[in-house]
C-alpha atoms as a PDB file:
ATOM      1  CA  MET A   1       0.165   0.002  -0.015  1.00  0.00           C
ATOM      2  CA  THR A   2       1.460   3.457  -1.091  1.00  0.00           C
ATOM      3  CA  GLN A   3       1.200   6.673   1.215  1.00  0.00           C
ATOM      4  CA  ALA A   4      -0.079   9.826  -0.417  1.00  0.00           C
ATOM      5  CA  THR A   5      -1.902  13.225   0.852  1.00  0.00           C
ATOM      6  CA  PHE A   6      -5.417  13.340  -0.502  1.00  0.00           C
ATOM      7  CA  ARG A   7      -8.254  15.838  -0.601  1.00  0.00           C
ATOM      8  CA  ILE A   8     -12.112  15.900  -0.161  1.00  0.00           C
ATOM      9  CA  ALA A   9     -12.977  18.053  -3.744  1.00  0.00           C
ATOM     10  CA  ILE A  10     -16.424  19.379  -2.877  1.00  0.00           C
ATOM     11  CA  ARG A  11     -17.660  20.804  -6.270  1.00  0.00           C
ATOM     12  CA  HIS A  12     -21.076  22.360  -7.080  1.00  0.00           C
ATOM     13  CA  GLU A  13     -21.710  20.574 -11.040  1.00  0.00           C
ATOM     14  CA  GLY A  14     -25.030  21.171 -12.403  1.00  0.00           C
ATOM     15  CA  GLN A  15     -27.812  20.160 -10.028  1.00  0.00           C
ATOM     16  CA  PHE A  16     -25.309  18.172  -7.996  1.00  0.00           C
ATOM     17  CA  ILE A  17     -22.971  18.772  -5.431  1.00  0.00           C
ATOM     18  CA  ASN A  18     -19.897  16.207  -6.038  1.00  0.00           C
ATOM     19  CA  ALA A  19     -17.335  14.922  -3.672  1.00  0.00           C
ATOM     20  CA  TYR A  20     -14.229  13.754  -5.186  1.00  0.00           C
ATOM     21  CA  LEU A  21     -11.205  11.946  -3.998  1.00  0.00           C
ATOM     22  CA  ALA A  22      -8.392  14.057  -5.607  1.00  0.00           C
ATOM     23  CA  THR A  23      -4.565  14.392  -5.240  1.00  0.00           C
ATOM     24  CA  MET A  24      -3.598  17.814  -3.866  1.00  0.00           C
ATOM     25  CA  ASP A  25      -2.743  19.590  -6.683  1.00  0.00           C
ATOM     26  CA  THR A  26      -4.999  18.558  -9.486  1.00  0.00           C
ATOM     27  CA  MET A  27      -8.484  17.064 -10.279  1.00  0.00           C
ATOM     28  CA  GLU A  28      -6.623  14.887 -13.040  1.00  0.00           C
ATOM     29  CA  GLY A  29      -7.855  11.432 -12.131  1.00  0.00           C
ATOM     30  CA  ALA A  30     -10.249  12.372  -9.410  1.00  0.00           C
ATOM     31  CA  LYS A  31     -12.573   9.280  -8.227  1.00  0.00           C
ATOM     32  CA  LEU A  32     -16.618  10.462  -7.608  1.00  0.00           C
ATOM     33  CA  VAL A  33     -17.125   9.275  -4.334  1.00  0.00           C
ATOM     34  CA  ALA A  34     -20.864  10.333  -3.730  1.00  0.00           C
ATOM     35  CA  SER A  35     -23.268  13.321  -4.770  1.00  0.00           C
ATOM     36  CA  ILE A  36     -26.197  15.195  -3.160  1.00  0.00           C
ATOM     37  CA  ASP A  37     -29.051  17.031  -4.821  1.00  0.00           C
ATOM     38  CA  HIS A  38     -27.915  20.693  -4.862  1.00  0.00           C
ATOM     39  CA  GLU A  39     -31.366  22.329  -4.007  1.00  0.00           C
ATOM     40  CA  LEU A  40     -31.550  19.878  -1.031  1.00  0.00           C
ATOM     41  CA  CYS A  41     -28.687  21.303   0.328  1.00  0.00           C
ATOM     42  CA  VAL A  42     -30.066  24.929  -0.471  1.00  0.00           C
ATOM     43  CA  LEU A  43     -33.117  24.302   1.104  1.00  0.00           C
ATOM     44  CA  ASP A  44     -31.577  23.213   4.318  1.00  0.00           C
ATOM     45  CA  PRO A  45     -27.830  24.264   4.976  1.00  0.00           C
ATOM     46  CA  GLN A  46     -27.688  21.583   7.678  1.00  0.00           C
ATOM     47  CA  ILE A  47     -27.858  18.734   4.995  1.00  0.00           C
ATOM     48  CA  PHE A  48     -24.530  19.801   3.266  1.00  0.00           C
ATOM     49  CA  GLU A  49     -22.893  20.125   6.503  1.00  0.00           C
ATOM     50  CA  LEU A  50     -23.718  16.296   7.111  1.00  0.00           C
ATOM     51  CA  PHE A  51     -22.721  15.823   3.676  1.00  0.00           C
ATOM     52  CA  LYS A  52     -19.547  17.059   4.224  1.00  0.00           C
ATOM     53  CA  ASP A  53     -18.942  15.517   7.418  1.00  0.00           C
ATOM     54  CA  ALA A  54     -20.215  12.034   5.835  1.00  0.00           C
ATOM     55  CA  MET A  55     -17.048  12.388   3.510  1.00  0.00           C
ATOM     56  CA  LEU A  56     -14.217  13.112   5.845  1.00  0.00           C
ATOM     57  CA  ARG A  57     -15.670  10.046   7.822  1.00  0.00           C
ATOM     58  CA  ALA A  58     -15.621   7.787   4.688  1.00  0.00           C
ATOM     59  CA  MET A  59     -12.689   8.779   3.070  1.00  0.00           C
ATOM     60  CA  PRO A  60      -9.960   6.914   5.059  1.00  0.00           C
ATOM     61  CA  ALA A  61     -12.069   3.470   3.549  1.00  0.00           C
ATOM     62  CA  VAL A  62     -12.404   5.047   0.185  1.00  0.00           C
ATOM     63  CA  VAL A  63      -8.771   5.869   0.402  1.00  0.00           C
ATOM     64  CA  GLY A  64      -7.614   2.053   1.108  1.00  0.00           C
ATOM     65  CA  LEU A  65      -9.933   0.622  -1.579  1.00  0.00           C
ATOM     66  CA  ILE A  66      -7.845   2.191  -4.055  1.00  0.00           C
ATOM     67  CA  GLY A  67      -4.744   0.929  -2.668  1.00  0.00           C
ATOM     68  CA  HIS A  68      -3.210   3.954  -0.643  1.00  0.00           C
ATOM     69  CA  LYS A  69      -2.675   4.724   2.876  1.00  0.00           C
ATOM     70  CA  ILE A  70      -3.809   8.108   4.479  1.00  0.00           C
ATOM     71  CA  ASP A  71      -0.934  10.450   5.286  1.00  0.00           C
ATOM     72  CA  ARG A  72      -3.493  12.950   6.122  1.00  0.00           C
ATOM     73  CA  ILE A  73      -6.593  14.570   5.117  1.00  0.00           C
ATOM     74  CA  GLU A  74      -6.698  19.034   4.889  1.00  0.00           C
ATOM     75  CA  ILE A  75      -9.753  20.803   4.552  1.00  0.00           C
ATOM     76  CA  ARG A  76      -9.099  23.906   2.869  1.00  0.00           C
ATOM     77  CA  ASP A  77     -10.078  25.867   0.110  1.00  0.00           C
ATOM     78  CA  ALA A  78      -9.785  24.710  -3.570  1.00  0.00           C
ATOM     79  CA  PRO A  79      -6.554  26.010  -5.810  1.00  0.00           C
ATOM     80  CA  ALA A  80      -7.668  29.117  -7.435  1.00  0.00           C
ATOM     81  CA  HIS A  81      -6.861  27.297 -10.752  1.00  0.00           C
ATOM     82  CA  GLU A  82     -10.099  25.194  -9.766  1.00  0.00           C
ATOM     83  CA  HIS A  83     -12.422  28.304  -9.314  1.00  0.00           C
ATOM     84  CA  ALA A  84     -14.909  28.488 -12.366  1.00  0.00           C
ATOM     85  CA  GLY A  85     -18.320  28.576 -12.823  1.00  0.00           C
ATOM     86  CA  HIS A  86     -19.581  26.131  -9.850  1.00  0.00           C
ATOM     87  CA  ALA A  87     -16.727  24.063  -9.399  1.00  0.00           C
END
């Protein structure tokens, strides 16, 4: 099992908010982990907070499934080059 640093990339894409497992500097090769309807998150922001928490809790298992070991999980804003439209 290799060790790497990943991030949870949460992006508003169309009608959905998608959560990806991505490397720190790029979305290239990112894996879609889960989606939730954007309108639900707008109607009740607590739903969005629960979605983010669920993604944080699920990531160690997801990382293990793709053959890596968690080095660390960082929570931070997306890099500037990923800020476009609803991304």
